Amino acid sequence: MVKIRPARVEDAPTLCAAEVETSRTPGRLVGHPEEFKVESFASKIAELRDRGLYIVAEKDGHAVGHAVLEPMPLKRISHVFRLTIVVHPGFEGKGIGKALMSDLTNWSAANPKVGKIELLVRAGNAAAIALYRKCGFVEEGRFKNRIRLEDGSFIDDVSMAWFPERQ
């Protein structure tokens, strides 16, 4: 059973390590392994307590995924939240992403500050794109040759968005 809970500052080393490992697979995360810093994770968790959402998926007491919803900083676009979601290596295809997305969209639908959620996903990440579509995200555009891989090849980024429905 997967449990979703708020991220805690003490989760930072585990979440950072998961992103470092995930970034080793070409086409998953944009950052290089050496660009991820524990301090950045800790400060983001603390910063988002009052203005966004940072959650962790746990299974048997261990973090198996995490997600971040962060509002854009300018007033005119502060209703737009940027989503980052990571299913930790070895836990793909086990419903972790779906559980995180369910929690995120439920929180967003109940939060009047959220008018739109945006994300970028690598064009070759078919499983993630399928999940986002199942959750109601629509493709808004494509950034051609946005990500340069170590071998010199390029990957497109797909821009997707979700708009909360409120009664």
C-alpha atoms as a PDB file:
ATOM      1  CA  MET A   1       0.000   0.000   0.000  1.00  0.00           C
ATOM      2  CA  VAL A   2       1.304   3.436  -0.952  1.00  0.00           C
ATOM      3  CA  LYS A   3       0.956   6.258   1.552  1.00  0.00           C
ATOM      4  CA  ILE A   4       1.184   9.899   0.452  1.00  0.00           C
ATOM      5  CA  ARG A   5       2.414  12.401   3.027  1.00  0.00           C
ATOM      6  CA  PRO A   6       3.891  15.900   3.132  1.00  0.00           C
ATOM      7  CA  ALA A   7       7.625  16.061   2.541  1.00  0.00           C
ATOM      8  CA  ARG A   8       9.811  16.826   5.552  1.00  0.00           C
ATOM      9  CA  VAL A   9      13.171  18.590   5.525  1.00  0.00           C
ATOM     10  CA  GLU A  10      14.806  15.374   6.741  1.00  0.00           C
ATOM     11  CA  ASP A  11      13.623  13.708   3.473  1.00  0.00           C
ATOM     12  CA  ALA A  12      15.987  15.919   1.466  1.00  0.00           C
ATOM     13  CA  PRO A  13      18.941  13.471   1.241  1.00  0.00           C
ATOM     14  CA  THR A  14      16.701  10.603   0.096  1.00  0.00           C
ATOM     15  CA  LEU A  15      14.832  12.714  -2.463  1.00  0.00           C
ATOM     16  CA  CYS A  16      18.059  14.185  -3.795  1.00  0.00           C
ATOM     17  CA  ALA A  17      19.619  10.722  -4.136  1.00  0.00           C
ATOM     18  CA  ALA A  18      16.540   9.493  -6.035  1.00  0.00           C
ATOM     19  CA  GLU A  19      16.757  12.386  -8.493  1.00  0.00           C
ATOM     20  CA  VAL A  20      20.491  11.855  -8.959  1.00  0.00           C
ATOM     21  CA  GLU A  21      19.840   8.213  -9.817  1.00  0.00           C
ATOM     22  CA  THR A  22      16.843   9.045 -12.055  1.00  0.00           C
ATOM     23  CA  SER A  23      18.896  11.635 -13.951  1.00  0.00           C
ATOM     24  CA  ARG A  24      21.332   8.902 -15.008  1.00  0.00           C
ATOM     25  CA  THR A  25      18.677   7.566 -17.410  1.00  0.00           C
ATOM     26  CA  PRO A  26      18.761   9.722 -20.540  1.00  0.00           C
ATOM     27  CA  GLY A  27      15.509  11.517 -21.157  1.00  0.00           C
ATOM     28  CA  ARG A  28      14.123  11.420 -17.623  1.00  0.00           C
ATOM     29  CA  LEU A  29      15.272  14.507 -15.697  1.00  0.00           C
ATOM     30  CA  VAL A  30      16.942  17.534 -17.219  1.00  0.00           C
ATOM     31  CA  GLY A  31      19.644  17.964 -14.575  1.00  0.00           C
ATOM     32  CA  HIS A  32      22.999  16.214 -14.540  1.00  0.00           C
ATOM     33  CA  PRO A  33      23.682  14.095 -11.419  1.00  0.00           C
ATOM     34  CA  GLU A  34      26.194  16.600 -10.029  1.00  0.00           C
ATOM     35  CA  GLU A  35      23.664  19.460 -10.278  1.00  0.00           C
ATOM     36  CA  PHE A  36      21.385  18.091  -7.544  1.00  0.00           C
ATOM     37  CA  LYS A  37      22.171  19.367  -4.042  1.00  0.00           C
ATOM     38  CA  VAL A  38      20.642  18.186  -0.760  1.00  0.00           C
ATOM     39  CA  GLU A  39      20.503  21.789   0.498  1.00  0.00           C
ATOM     40  CA  SER A  40      18.315  22.787  -2.459  1.00  0.00           C
ATOM     41  CA  PHE A  41      15.839  20.016  -1.671  1.00  0.00           C
ATOM     42  CA  ALA A  42      15.716  20.988   2.008  1.00  0.00           C
ATOM     43  CA  SER A  43      15.118  24.659   1.264  1.00  0.00           C
ATOM     44  CA  LYS A  44      12.422  23.876  -1.339  1.00  0.00           C
ATOM     45  CA  ILE A  45      10.563  21.648   1.129  1.00  0.00           C
ATOM     46  CA  ALA A  46      10.630  24.387   3.766  1.00  0.00           C
ATOM     47  CA  GLU A  47       9.725  27.125   1.283  1.00  0.00           C
ATOM     48  CA  LEU A  48       6.670  25.346  -0.140  1.00  0.00           C
ATOM     49  CA  ARG A  49       4.974  24.602   3.187  1.00  0.00           C
ATOM     50  CA  ASP A  50       2.820  27.726   2.936  1.00  0.00           C
ATOM     51  CA  ARG A  51       2.586  28.380  -0.792  1.00  0.00           C
ATOM     52  CA  GLY A  52       2.694  25.090  -2.641  1.00  0.00           C
ATOM     53  CA  LEU A  53       2.809  21.353  -2.157  1.00  0.00           C
ATOM     54  CA  TYR A  54       5.706  18.936  -1.728  1.00  0.00           C
ATOM     55  CA  ILE A  55       4.663  15.325  -1.148  1.00  0.00           C
ATOM     56  CA  VAL A  56       6.323  11.954  -0.739  1.00  0.00           C
ATOM     57  CA  ALA A  57       4.979   8.523  -1.655  1.00  0.00           C
ATOM     58  CA  GLU A  58       5.978   5.863   0.887  1.00  0.00           C
ATOM     59  CA  LYS A  59       5.797   2.104   0.736  1.00  0.00           C
ATOM     60  CA  ASP A  60       6.778   0.045   3.763  1.00  0.00           C
ATOM     61  CA  GLY A  61       8.203   3.182   5.376  1.00  0.00           C
ATOM     62  CA  HIS A  62      10.520   4.029   2.454  1.00  0.00           C
ATOM     63  CA  ALA A  63      10.198   6.926   0.005  1.00  0.00           C
ATOM     64  CA  VAL A  64       9.368   5.560  -3.456  1.00  0.00           C
ATOM     65  CA  GLY A  65       8.383   8.787  -5.206  1.00  0.00           C
ATOM     66  CA  HIS A  66       7.859  12.489  -4.688  1.00  0.00           C
ATOM     67  CA  ALA A  67       6.203  15.449  -6.338  1.00  0.00           C
ATOM     68  CA  VAL A  68       6.327  19.229  -6.142  1.00  0.00           C
ATOM     69  CA  LEU A  69       3.709  21.833  -7.041  1.00  0.00           C
ATOM     70  CA  GLU A  70       5.212  25.296  -7.026  1.00  0.00           C
ATOM     71  CA  PRO A  71       3.374  28.509  -7.916  1.00  0.00           C
ATOM     72  CA  MET A  72       4.920  30.853 -10.451  1.00  0.00           C
ATOM     73  CA  PRO A  73       6.492  33.864  -8.717  1.00  0.00           C
ATOM     74  CA  LEU A  74       4.807  36.774 -10.542  1.00  0.00           C
ATOM     75  CA  LYS A  75       1.301  37.950  -9.536  1.00  0.00           C
ATOM     76  CA  ARG A  76      -0.215  37.697 -13.018  1.00  0.00           C
ATOM     77  CA  ILE A  77       0.802  34.046 -13.302  1.00  0.00           C
ATOM     78  CA  SER A  78       0.703  33.042  -9.628  1.00  0.00           C
ATOM     79  CA  HIS A  79      -2.371  30.884 -10.371  1.00  0.00           C
ATOM     80  CA  VAL A  80      -0.106  28.664 -12.495  1.00  0.00           C
ATOM     81  CA  PHE A  81       1.702  25.899 -10.604  1.00  0.00           C
ATOM     82  CA  ARG A  82       4.685  24.032 -12.039  1.00  0.00           C
ATOM     83  CA  LEU A  83       4.682  20.267 -11.438  1.00  0.00           C
ATOM     84  CA  THR A  84       7.704  18.050 -10.985  1.00  0.00           C
ATOM     85  CA  ILE A  85       7.090  14.383 -10.245  1.00  0.00           C
ATOM     86  CA  VAL A  86       9.635  11.604  -9.774  1.00  0.00           C
ATOM     87  CA  VAL A  87       8.942   7.920  -9.290  1.00  0.00           C
ATOM     88  CA  HIS A  88      12.096   6.573  -7.690  1.00  0.00           C
ATOM     89  CA  PRO A  89      14.179   4.028  -9.628  1.00  0.00           C
ATOM     90  CA  GLY A  90      12.934   0.479  -9.212  1.00  0.00           C
ATOM     91  CA  PHE A  91       9.362   1.543  -8.428  1.00  0.00           C
ATOM     92  CA  GLU A  92       8.176   2.470 -11.926  1.00  0.00           C
ATOM     93  CA  GLY A  93       4.988   0.783 -13.147  1.00  0.00           C
ATOM     94  CA  LYS A  94       3.700   0.078  -9.626  1.00  0.00           C
ATOM     95  CA  GLY A  95       1.053   2.827  -9.338  1.00  0.00           C
ATOM     96  CA  ILE A  96       3.297   5.306  -7.513  1.00  0.00           C
ATOM     97  CA  GLY A  97       2.895   8.018 -10.153  1.00  0.00           C
ATOM     98  CA  LYS A  98      -0.857   7.515 -10.223  1.00  0.00           C
ATOM     99  CA  ALA A  99      -1.073   7.825  -6.424  1.00  0.00           C
ATOM    100  CA  LEU A 100       1.012  11.010  -6.441  1.00  0.00           C
ATOM    101  CA  MET A 101      -1.040  12.496  -9.296  1.00  0.00           C
ATOM    102  CA  SER A 102      -4.304  11.695  -7.530  1.00  0.00           C
ATOM    103  CA  ASP A 103      -3.157  13.463  -4.381  1.00  0.00           C
ATOM    104  CA  LEU A 104      -1.851  16.457  -6.358  1.00  0.00           C
ATOM    105  CA  THR A 105      -4.998  16.916  -8.425  1.00  0.00           C
ATOM    106  CA  ASN A 106      -7.285  16.499  -5.402  1.00  0.00           C
ATOM    107  CA  TRP A 107      -5.294  19.128  -3.483  1.00  0.00           C
ATOM    108  CA  SER A 108      -5.308  21.446  -6.490  1.00  0.00           C
ATOM    109  CA  ALA A 109      -9.032  21.095  -7.153  1.00  0.00           C
ATOM    110  CA  ALA A 110      -9.717  22.099  -3.536  1.00  0.00           C
ATOM    111  CA  ASN A 111      -7.253  25.020  -3.598  1.00  0.00           C
ATOM    112  CA  PRO A 112      -8.699  28.189  -5.170  1.00  0.00           C
ATOM    113  CA  LYS A 113      -5.167  29.546  -5.738  1.00  0.00           C
ATOM    114  CA  VAL A 114      -4.557  26.850  -8.377  1.00  0.00           C
ATOM    115  CA  GLY A 115      -5.923  27.777 -11.796  1.00  0.00           C
ATOM    116  CA  LYS A 116      -3.586  25.664 -13.889  1.00  0.00           C
ATOM    117  CA  ILE A 117      -0.858  23.058 -13.466  1.00  0.00           C
ATOM    118  CA  GLU A 118       1.936  22.962 -16.030  1.00  0.00           C
ATOM    119  CA  LEU A 119       4.631  20.377 -16.605  1.00  0.00           C
ATOM    120  CA  LEU A 120       7.326  19.528 -19.090  1.00  0.00           C
ATOM    121  CA  VAL A 121       7.947  15.908 -20.019  1.00  0.00           C
ATOM    122  CA  ARG A 122      10.499  14.409 -22.381  1.00  0.00           C
ATOM    123  CA  ALA A 123       8.845  13.387 -25.656  1.00  0.00           C
ATOM    124  CA  GLY A 124      10.242   9.859 -25.359  1.00  0.00           C
ATOM    125  CA  ASN A 125       8.776   9.233 -21.903  1.00  0.00           C
ATOM    126  CA  ALA A 126       5.644   7.474 -23.173  1.00  0.00           C
ATOM    127  CA  ALA A 127       4.656   6.045 -19.765  1.00  0.00           C
ATOM    128  CA  ALA A 128       4.660   9.475 -18.117  1.00  0.00           C
ATOM    129  CA  ILE A 129       2.770  11.084 -21.000  1.00  0.00           C
ATOM    130  CA  ALA A 130       0.137   8.334 -20.831  1.00  0.00           C
ATOM    131  CA  LEU A 131      -0.246   8.851 -17.070  1.00  0.00           C
ATOM    132  CA  TYR A 132      -0.632  12.608 -17.457  1.00  0.00           C
ATOM    133  CA  ARG A 133      -3.259  12.152 -20.181  1.00  0.00           C
ATOM    134  CA  LYS A 134      -5.200   9.706 -17.978  1.00  0.00           C
ATOM    135  CA  CYS A 135      -5.157  12.371 -15.248  1.00  0.00           C
ATOM    136  CA  GLY A 136      -6.684  14.948 -17.606  1.00  0.00           C
ATOM    137  CA  PHE A 137      -3.569  16.792 -18.784  1.00  0.00           C
ATOM    138  CA  VAL A 138      -3.573  18.103 -22.346  1.00  0.00           C
ATOM    139  CA  GLU A 139      -0.620  18.843 -24.585  1.00  0.00           C
ATOM    140  CA  GLU A 140      -0.088  22.566 -25.055  1.00  0.00           C
ATOM    141  CA  GLY A 141       3.035  22.555 -27.162  1.00  0.00           C
ATOM    142  CA  ARG A 142       6.433  21.141 -27.895  1.00  0.00           C
ATOM    143  CA  PHE A 143       9.924  22.544 -27.439  1.00  0.00           C
ATOM    144  CA  LYS A 144      11.992  21.063 -30.267  1.00  0.00           C
ATOM    145  CA  ASN A 145      15.532  19.895 -29.446  1.00  0.00           C
ATOM    146  CA  ARG A 146      15.290  21.362 -25.932  1.00  0.00           C
ATOM    147  CA  ILE A 147      17.338  18.722 -24.090  1.00  0.00           C
ATOM    148  CA  ARG A 148      20.869  17.883 -25.210  1.00  0.00           C
ATOM    149  CA  LEU A 149      22.036  14.440 -24.142  1.00  0.00           C
ATOM    150  CA  GLU A 150      25.618  13.444 -23.382  1.00  0.00           C
ATOM    151  CA  ASP A 151      25.980  11.807 -26.813  1.00  0.00           C
ATOM    152  CA  GLY A 152      25.075  15.105 -28.515  1.00  0.00           C
ATOM    153  CA  SER A 153      21.587  14.040 -29.564  1.00  0.00           C
ATOM    154  CA  PHE A 154      18.493  16.053 -28.677  1.00  0.00           C
ATOM    155  CA  ILE A 155      15.088  15.327 -27.145  1.00  0.00           C
ATOM    156  CA  ASP A 156      11.944  17.408 -27.435  1.00  0.00           C
ATOM    157  CA  ASP A 157      10.113  18.592 -24.333  1.00  0.00           C
ATOM    158  CA  VAL A 158       6.322  18.350 -24.361  1.00  0.00           C
ATOM    159  CA  SER A 159       4.393  21.027 -22.484  1.00  0.00           C
ATOM    160  CA  MET A 160       1.231  19.728 -20.811  1.00  0.00           C
ATOM    161  CA  ALA A 161      -1.379  21.349 -18.582  1.00  0.00           C
ATOM    162  CA  TRP A 162      -4.307  20.516 -16.323  1.00  0.00           C
ATOM    163  CA  PHE A 163      -7.108  22.864 -15.324  1.00  0.00           C
ATOM    164  CA  PRO A 164      -9.001  22.120 -12.094  1.00  0.00           C
ATOM    165  CA  GLU A 165     -12.751  21.784 -12.342  1.00  0.00           C
ATOM    166  CA  ARG A 166     -14.591  23.438  -9.496  1.00  0.00           C
ATOM    167  CA  GLN A 167     -18.265  23.193  -8.623  1.00  0.00           C
END
